[in-house]
């Protein structure tokens, strides 16, 4: 059964390619969260699904879900 969280604690949207700069900004947003809180990262980069899961694992975050959106973007639900 998929994890559904209607209202994450924070949301970050980017249409840029997931690169060092985007990951650095994402890390800063995650640092603002308390342990157990969630961030929805919405990415327009079609290759984000290759970058975000290993990044979460390396940082010790839990990737709860990857959801394709109707507009072609992807939503990553990440728990601190």
PDB file of N, CA and C in Angstrom:
ATOM      1  N   UNK A   1       0.852  -1.178   0.000  1.00  0.00           N
ATOM      2  CA  UNK A   1       0.000   0.000   0.000  1.00  0.00           C
ATOM      3  C   UNK A   1       0.899   1.243   0.000  1.00  0.00           C
ATOM      4  N   UNK A   2       0.668   2.196  -0.909  1.00  0.00           N
ATOM      5  CA  UNK A   2       1.505   3.400  -0.970  1.00  0.00           C
ATOM      6  C   UNK A   2       1.273   4.305   0.238  1.00  0.00           C
ATOM      7  N   UNK A   3       2.299   5.022   0.601  1.00  0.00           N
ATOM      8  CA  UNK A   3       2.210   5.990   1.682  1.00  0.00           C
ATOM      9  C   UNK A   3       1.594   7.261   1.118  1.00  0.00           C
ATOM     10  N   UNK A   4       0.556   7.767   1.771  1.00  0.00           N
ATOM     11  CA  UNK A   4      -0.097   8.978   1.304  1.00  0.00           C
ATOM     12  C   UNK A   4      -0.026  10.018   2.420  1.00  0.00           C
ATOM     13  N   UNK A   5       0.593  11.136   2.113  1.00  0.00           N
ATOM     14  CA  UNK A   5       0.621  12.263   3.036  1.00  0.00           C
ATOM     15  C   UNK A   5       0.080  13.449   2.250  1.00  0.00           C
ATOM     16  N   UNK A   6      -1.100  13.898   2.620  1.00  0.00           N
ATOM     17  CA  UNK A   6      -1.751  14.975   1.881  1.00  0.00           C
ATOM     18  C   UNK A   6      -1.046  16.315   2.069  1.00  0.00           C
ATOM     19  N   UNK A   7      -0.533  16.550   3.270  1.00  0.00           N
ATOM     20  CA  UNK A   7       0.073  17.832   3.561  1.00  0.00           C
ATOM     21  C   UNK A   7       1.466  17.633   4.142  1.00  0.00           C
ATOM     22  N   UNK A   8       2.493  17.678   3.292  1.00  0.00           N
ATOM     23  CA  UNK A   8       3.849  17.589   3.828  1.00  0.00           C
ATOM     24  C   UNK A   8       4.159  18.844   4.643  1.00  0.00           C
ATOM     25  N   UNK A   9       5.194  18.787   5.455  1.00  0.00           N
ATOM     26  CA  UNK A   9       5.561  19.928   6.287  1.00  0.00           C
ATOM     27  C   UNK A   9       6.186  21.059   5.472  1.00  0.00           C
ATOM     28  N   UNK A  10       6.756  20.747   4.325  1.00  0.00           N
ATOM     29  CA  UNK A  10       7.359  21.753   3.446  1.00  0.00           C
ATOM     30  C   UNK A  10       7.313  21.212   2.020  1.00  0.00           C
ATOM     31  N   UNK A  11       7.375  22.106   1.048  1.00  0.00           N
ATOM     32  CA  UNK A  11       7.387  21.719  -0.358  1.00  0.00           C
ATOM     33  C   UNK A  11       8.425  22.554  -1.086  1.00  0.00           C
ATOM     34  N   UNK A  12       9.179  21.905  -1.947  1.00  0.00           N
ATOM     35  CA  UNK A  12      10.170  22.576  -2.795  1.00  0.00           C
ATOM     36  C   UNK A  12       9.914  22.123  -4.223  1.00  0.00           C
ATOM     37  N   UNK A  13       9.801  23.079  -5.143  1.00  0.00           N
ATOM     38  CA  UNK A  13       9.581  22.773  -6.546  1.00  0.00           C
ATOM     39  C   UNK A  13      10.746  23.318  -7.358  1.00  0.00           C
ATOM     40  N   UNK A  14      11.249  22.505  -8.283  1.00  0.00           N
ATOM     41  CA  UNK A  14      12.348  22.930  -9.147  1.00  0.00           C
ATOM     42  C   UNK A  14      12.137  22.372 -10.544  1.00  0.00           C
ATOM     43  N   UNK A  15      12.353  23.222 -11.546  1.00  0.00           N
ATOM     44  CA  UNK A  15      12.321  22.771 -12.930  1.00  0.00           C
ATOM     45  C   UNK A  15      13.723  22.604 -13.492  1.00  0.00           C
ATOM     46  N   UNK A  16      14.732  22.827 -12.652  1.00  0.00           N
ATOM     47  CA  UNK A  16      16.125  22.679 -13.067  1.00  0.00           C
ATOM     48  C   UNK A  16      16.533  21.213 -13.032  1.00  0.00           C
ATOM     49  N   UNK A  17      17.569  20.887 -13.777  1.00  0.00           N
ATOM     50  CA  UNK A  17      18.143  19.545 -13.691  1.00  0.00           C
ATOM     51  C   UNK A  17      18.667  19.346 -12.273  1.00  0.00           C
ATOM     52  N   UNK A  18      18.476  18.131 -11.737  1.00  0.00           N
ATOM     53  CA  UNK A  18      18.977  17.842 -10.399  1.00  0.00           C
ATOM     54  C   UNK A  18      20.500  17.767 -10.485  1.00  0.00           C
ATOM     55  N   UNK A  19      21.136  18.793  -9.934  1.00  0.00           N
ATOM     56  CA  UNK A  19      22.588  18.917  -9.962  1.00  0.00           C
ATOM     57  C   UNK A  19      23.058  19.279  -8.557  1.00  0.00           C
ATOM     58  N   UNK A  20      24.345  19.522  -8.421  1.00  0.00           N
ATOM     59  CA  UNK A  20      24.898  19.848  -7.113  1.00  0.00           C
ATOM     60  C   UNK A  20      24.166  21.022  -6.463  1.00  0.00           C
ATOM     61  N   UNK A  21      23.899  22.076  -7.217  1.00  0.00           N
ATOM     62  CA  UNK A  21      23.254  23.261  -6.666  1.00  0.00           C
ATOM     63  C   UNK A  21      21.843  22.948  -6.152  1.00  0.00           C
ATOM     64  N   UNK A  22      21.080  22.192  -6.913  1.00  0.00           N
ATOM     65  CA  UNK A  22      19.723  21.824  -6.495  1.00  0.00           C
ATOM     66  C   UNK A  22      19.781  20.934  -5.252  1.00  0.00           C
ATOM     67  N   UNK A  23      20.706  19.982  -5.238  1.00  0.00           N
ATOM     68  CA  UNK A  23      20.840  19.094  -4.079  1.00  0.00           C
ATOM     69  C   UNK A  23      21.279  19.862  -2.838  1.00  0.00           C
ATOM     70  N   UNK A  24      22.126  20.865  -3.010  1.00  0.00           N
ATOM     71  CA  UNK A  24      22.557  21.694  -1.889  1.00  0.00           C
ATOM     72  C   UNK A  24      21.369  22.473  -1.321  1.00  0.00           C
ATOM     73  N   UNK A  25      20.551  23.037  -2.187  1.00  0.00           N
ATOM     74  CA  UNK A  25      19.364  23.758  -1.742  1.00  0.00           C
ATOM     75  C   UNK A  25      18.375  22.807  -1.069  1.00  0.00           C
ATOM     76  N   UNK A  26      18.215  21.623  -1.639  1.00  0.00           N
ATOM     77  CA  UNK A  26      17.332  20.608  -1.058  1.00  0.00           C
ATOM     78  C   UNK A  26      17.827  20.218   0.338  1.00  0.00           C
ATOM     79  N   UNK A  27      19.133  20.066   0.505  1.00  0.00           N
ATOM     80  CA  UNK A  27      19.701  19.726   1.812  1.00  0.00           C
ATOM     81  C   UNK A  27      19.411  20.828   2.827  1.00  0.00           C
ATOM     82  N   UNK A  28      19.491  22.077   2.395  1.00  0.00           N
ATOM     83  CA  UNK A  28      19.177  23.184   3.284  1.00  0.00           C
ATOM     84  C   UNK A  28      17.733  23.176   3.728  1.00  0.00           C
ATOM     85  N   UNK A  29      16.837  22.862   2.817  1.00  0.00           N
ATOM     86  CA  UNK A  29      15.411  22.790   3.167  1.00  0.00           C
ATOM     87  C   UNK A  29      15.150  21.625   4.116  1.00  0.00           C
ATOM     88  N   UNK A  30      15.816  20.501   3.896  1.00  0.00           N
ATOM     89  CA  UNK A  30      15.653  19.349   4.789  1.00  0.00           C
ATOM     90  C   UNK A  30      16.179  19.672   6.184  1.00  0.00           C
ATOM     91  N   UNK A  31      17.242  20.458   6.266  1.00  0.00           N
ATOM     92  CA  UNK A  31      17.835  20.808   7.559  1.00  0.00           C
ATOM     93  C   UNK A  31      16.883  21.638   8.410  1.00  0.00           C
ATOM     94  N   UNK A  32      15.959  22.342   7.795  1.00  0.00           N
ATOM     95  CA  UNK A  32      14.987  23.147   8.529  1.00  0.00           C
ATOM     96  C   UNK A  32      13.913  22.302   9.208  1.00  0.00           C
ATOM     97  N   UNK A  33      13.746  21.075   8.726  1.00  0.00           N
ATOM     98  CA  UNK A  33      12.705  20.199   9.266  1.00  0.00           C
ATOM     99  C   UNK A  33      13.158  19.530  10.552  1.00  0.00           C
ATOM    100  N   UNK A  34      12.192  19.203  11.383  1.00  0.00           N
ATOM    101  CA  UNK A  34      12.452  18.414  12.577  1.00  0.00           C
ATOM    102  C   UNK A  34      12.451  16.935  12.188  1.00  0.00           C
ATOM    103  N   UNK A  35      13.152  16.080  12.938  1.00  0.00           N
ATOM    104  CA  UNK A  35      13.101  14.650  12.640  1.00  0.00           C
ATOM    105  C   UNK A  35      11.652  14.156  12.581  1.00  0.00           C
ATOM    106  N   UNK A  36      11.354  13.387  11.545  1.00  0.00           N
ATOM    107  CA  UNK A  36      10.007  12.854  11.354  1.00  0.00           C
ATOM    108  C   UNK A  36       9.136  13.699  10.440  1.00  0.00           C
ATOM    109  N   UNK A  37       9.528  14.949  10.193  1.00  0.00           N
ATOM    110  CA  UNK A  37       8.753  15.795   9.294  1.00  0.00           C
ATOM    111  C   UNK A  37       9.073  15.440   7.842  1.00  0.00           C
ATOM    112  N   UNK A  38       8.190  15.848   6.934  1.00  0.00           N
ATOM    113  CA  UNK A  38       8.334  15.474   5.530  1.00  0.00           C
ATOM    114  C   UNK A  38       8.423  16.695   4.618  1.00  0.00           C
ATOM    115  N   UNK A  39       9.119  16.483   3.511  1.00  0.00           N
ATOM    116  CA  UNK A  39       9.242  17.489   2.460  1.00  0.00           C
ATOM    117  C   UNK A  39       8.790  16.855   1.154  1.00  0.00           C
ATOM    118  N   UNK A  40       7.967  17.580   0.414  1.00  0.00           N
ATOM    119  CA  UNK A  40       7.599  17.151  -0.936  1.00  0.00           C
ATOM    120  C   UNK A  40       8.503  17.915  -1.890  1.00  0.00           C
ATOM    121  N   UNK A  41       9.333  17.195  -2.627  1.00  0.00           N
ATOM    122  CA  UNK A  41      10.200  17.791  -3.634  1.00  0.00           C
ATOM    123  C   UNK A  41       9.593  17.482  -4.986  1.00  0.00           C
ATOM    124  N   UNK A  42       9.175  18.532  -5.697  1.00  0.00           N
ATOM    125  CA  UNK A  42       8.572  18.370  -7.016  1.00  0.00           C
ATOM    126  C   UNK A  42       9.613  18.783  -8.040  1.00  0.00           C
ATOM    127  N   UNK A  43       9.941  17.849  -8.931  1.00  0.00           N
ATOM    128  CA  UNK A  43      11.003  18.085  -9.902  1.00  0.00           C
ATOM    129  C   UNK A  43      10.501  17.922 -11.326  1.00  0.00           C
ATOM    130  N   UNK A  44      10.923  18.852 -12.173  1.00  0.00           N
ATOM    131  CA  UNK A  44      10.632  18.757 -13.594  1.00  0.00           C
ATOM    132  C   UNK A  44      11.721  18.019 -14.353  1.00  0.00           C
ATOM    133  N   UNK A  45      12.760  17.575 -13.652  1.00  0.00           N
ATOM    134  CA  UNK A  45      13.867  16.843 -14.278  1.00  0.00           C
ATOM    135  C   UNK A  45      13.461  15.383 -14.459  1.00  0.00           C
ATOM    136  N   UNK A  46      13.350  14.892 -15.700  1.00  0.00           N
ATOM    137  CA  UNK A  46      12.928  13.508 -15.910  1.00  0.00           C
ATOM    138  C   UNK A  46      13.921  12.480 -15.354  1.00  0.00           C
ATOM    139  N   UNK A  47      15.152  12.892 -15.089  1.00  0.00           N
ATOM    140  CA  UNK A  47      16.160  11.971 -14.544  1.00  0.00           C
ATOM    141  C   UNK A  47      16.302  12.064 -13.025  1.00  0.00           C
ATOM    142  N   UNK A  48      15.438  12.830 -12.380  1.00  0.00           N
ATOM    143  CA  UNK A  48      15.515  13.001 -10.931  1.00  0.00           C
ATOM    144  C   UNK A  48      15.369  11.683 -10.180  1.00  0.00           C
ATOM    145  N   UNK A  49      14.595  10.754 -10.734  1.00  0.00           N
ATOM    146  CA  UNK A  49      14.389   9.466 -10.069  1.00  0.00           C
ATOM    147  C   UNK A  49      15.678   8.659  -9.972  1.00  0.00           C
ATOM    148  N   UNK A  50      16.681   9.028 -10.757  1.00  0.00           N
ATOM    149  CA  UNK A  50      17.977   8.362 -10.666  1.00  0.00           C
ATOM    150  C   UNK A  50      18.879   9.024  -9.626  1.00  0.00           C
ATOM    151  N   UNK A  51      18.653  10.300  -9.346  1.00  0.00           N
ATOM    152  CA  UNK A  51      19.516  11.066  -8.439  1.00  0.00           C
ATOM    153  C   UNK A  51      19.009  11.120  -7.007  1.00  0.00           C
ATOM    154  N   UNK A  52      17.712  11.282  -6.835  1.00  0.00           N
ATOM    155  CA  UNK A  52      17.165  11.529  -5.500  1.00  0.00           C
ATOM    156  C   UNK A  52      17.247  10.309  -4.572  1.00  0.00           C
ATOM    157  N   UNK A  53      16.900   9.091  -4.993  1.00  0.00           N
ATOM    158  CA  UNK A  53      16.986   7.968  -4.055  1.00  0.00           C
ATOM    159  C   UNK A  53      18.395   7.754  -3.466  1.00  0.00           C
ATOM    160  N   UNK A  54      19.466   7.740  -4.270  1.00  0.00           N
ATOM    161  CA  UNK A  54      20.784   7.556  -3.636  1.00  0.00           C
ATOM    162  C   UNK A  54      21.187   8.749  -2.772  1.00  0.00           C
ATOM    163  N   UNK A  55      20.743   9.952  -3.146  1.00  0.00           N
ATOM    164  CA  UNK A  55      21.035  11.133  -2.340  1.00  0.00           C
ATOM    165  C   UNK A  55      20.380  11.005  -0.968  1.00  0.00           C
ATOM    166  N   UNK A  56      19.112  10.568  -0.939  1.00  0.00           N
ATOM    167  CA  UNK A  56      18.411  10.368   0.336  1.00  0.00           C
ATOM    168  C   UNK A  56      19.126   9.339   1.195  1.00  0.00           C
ATOM    169  N   UNK A  57      19.517   8.240   0.584  1.00  0.00           N
ATOM    170  CA  UNK A  57      20.203   7.180   1.324  1.00  0.00           C
ATOM    171  C   UNK A  57      21.525   7.683   1.898  1.00  0.00           C
ATOM    172  N   UNK A  58      22.278   8.422   1.100  1.00  0.00           N
ATOM    173  CA  UNK A  58      23.566   8.938   1.540  1.00  0.00           C
ATOM    174  C   UNK A  58      23.391   9.926   2.702  1.00  0.00           C
ATOM    175  N   UNK A  59      22.315  10.697   2.697  1.00  0.00           N
ATOM    176  CA  UNK A  59      22.071  11.712   3.720  1.00  0.00           C
ATOM    177  C   UNK A  59      21.341  11.165   4.941  1.00  0.00           C
ATOM    178  N   UNK A  60      20.849   9.931   4.861  1.00  0.00           N
ATOM    179  CA  UNK A  60      20.123   9.343   5.985  1.00  0.00           C
ATOM    180  C   UNK A  60      18.656   9.738   6.039  1.00  0.00           C
ATOM    181  N   UNK A  61      18.102  10.220   4.913  1.00  0.00           N
ATOM    182  CA  UNK A  61      16.685  10.556   4.836  1.00  0.00           C
ATOM    183  C   UNK A  61      15.922   9.349   4.298  1.00  0.00           C
ATOM    184  N   UNK A  62      14.633   9.300   4.594  1.00  0.00           N
ATOM    185  CA  UNK A  62      13.792   8.212   4.118  1.00  0.00           C
ATOM    186  C   UNK A  62      12.955   8.701   2.939  1.00  0.00           C
ATOM    187  N   UNK A  63      13.121   8.061   1.800  1.00  0.00           N
ATOM    188  CA  UNK A  63      12.303   8.365   0.627  1.00  0.00           C
ATOM    189  C   UNK A  63      11.028   7.540   0.752  1.00  0.00           C
ATOM    190  N   UNK A  64       9.919   8.210   1.039  1.00  0.00           N
ATOM    191  CA  UNK A  64       8.657   7.515   1.277  1.00  0.00           C
ATOM    192  C   UNK A  64       7.928   7.157  -0.004  1.00  0.00           C
ATOM    193  N   UNK A  65       8.053   8.023  -1.027  1.00  0.00           N
ATOM    194  CA  UNK A  65       7.303   7.767  -2.259  1.00  0.00           C
ATOM    195  C   UNK A  65       7.863   8.600  -3.400  1.00  0.00           C
ATOM    196  N   UNK A  66       7.702   8.066  -4.598  1.00  0.00           N
ATOM    197  CA  UNK A  66       7.943   8.799  -5.839  1.00  0.00           C
ATOM    198  C   UNK A  66       6.641   8.720  -6.616  1.00  0.00           C
ATOM    199  N   UNK A  67       6.068   9.875  -6.898  1.00  0.00           N
ATOM    200  CA  UNK A  67       4.775   9.906  -7.570  1.00  0.00           C
ATOM    201  C   UNK A  67       4.876  10.683  -8.880  1.00  0.00           C
ATOM    202  N   UNK A  68       4.492  10.080  -9.990  1.00  0.00           N
ATOM    203  CA  UNK A  68       4.422  10.847 -11.241  1.00  0.00           C
ATOM    204  C   UNK A  68       3.205  11.774 -11.193  1.00  0.00           C
ATOM    205  N   UNK A  69       3.379  12.988 -11.661  1.00  0.00           N
ATOM    206  CA  UNK A  69       2.291  13.962 -11.679  1.00  0.00           C
ATOM    207  C   UNK A  69       1.745  14.113 -13.094  1.00  0.00           C
ATOM    208  N   UNK A  70       0.536  14.606 -13.206  1.00  0.00           N
ATOM    209  CA  UNK A  70      -0.147  14.723 -14.500  1.00  0.00           C
ATOM    210  C   UNK A  70       0.605  15.633 -15.474  1.00  0.00           C
ATOM    211  N   UNK A  71       1.357  16.603 -14.953  1.00  0.00           N
ATOM    212  CA  UNK A  71       2.077  17.543 -15.817  1.00  0.00           C
ATOM    213  C   UNK A  71       3.454  17.039 -16.246  1.00  0.00           C
ATOM    214  N   UNK A  72       3.771  15.776 -15.920  1.00  0.00           N
ATOM    215  CA  UNK A  72       5.051  15.191 -16.309  1.00  0.00           C
ATOM    216  C   UNK A  72       6.135  15.325 -15.260  1.00  0.00           C
ATOM    217  N   UNK A  73       5.878  16.094 -14.217  1.00  0.00           N
ATOM    218  CA  UNK A  73       6.848  16.222 -13.131  1.00  0.00           C
ATOM    219  C   UNK A  73       6.745  15.017 -12.217  1.00  0.00           C
ATOM    220  N   UNK A  74       7.676  14.933 -11.265  1.00  0.00           N
ATOM    221  CA  UNK A  74       7.657  13.869 -10.283  1.00  0.00           C
ATOM    222  C   UNK A  74       7.665  14.495  -8.892  1.00  0.00           C
ATOM    223  N   UNK A  75       6.958  13.863  -7.976  1.00  0.00           N
ATOM    224  CA  UNK A  75       6.915  14.310  -6.569  1.00  0.00           C
ATOM    225  C   UNK A  75       7.609  13.269  -5.714  1.00  0.00           C
ATOM    226  N   UNK A  76       8.620  13.717  -4.989  1.00  0.00           N
ATOM    227  CA  UNK A  76       9.372  12.860  -4.077  1.00  0.00           C
ATOM    228  C   UNK A  76       8.981  13.244  -2.663  1.00  0.00           C
ATOM    229  N   UNK A  77       8.497  12.296  -1.898  1.00  0.00           N
ATOM    230  CA  UNK A  77       8.134  12.555  -0.516  1.00  0.00           C
ATOM    231  C   UNK A  77       9.270  12.028   0.360  1.00  0.00           C
ATOM    232  N   UNK A  78       9.929  12.958   1.065  1.00  0.00           N
ATOM    233  CA  UNK A  78      11.133  12.626   1.818  1.00  0.00           C
ATOM    234  C   UNK A  78      10.928  12.950   3.285  1.00  0.00           C
ATOM    235  N   UNK A  79      11.250  11.989   4.156  1.00  0.00           N
ATOM    236  CA  UNK A  79      11.133  12.186   5.600  1.00  0.00           C
ATOM    237  C   UNK A  79      12.523  12.419   6.179  1.00  0.00           C
ATOM    238  N   UNK A  80      12.609  13.440   7.031  1.00  0.00           N
ATOM    239  CA  UNK A  80      13.874  13.701   7.720  1.00  0.00           C
ATOM    240  C   UNK A  80      14.007  12.729   8.867  1.00  0.00           C
TER     241      UNK A  80
END
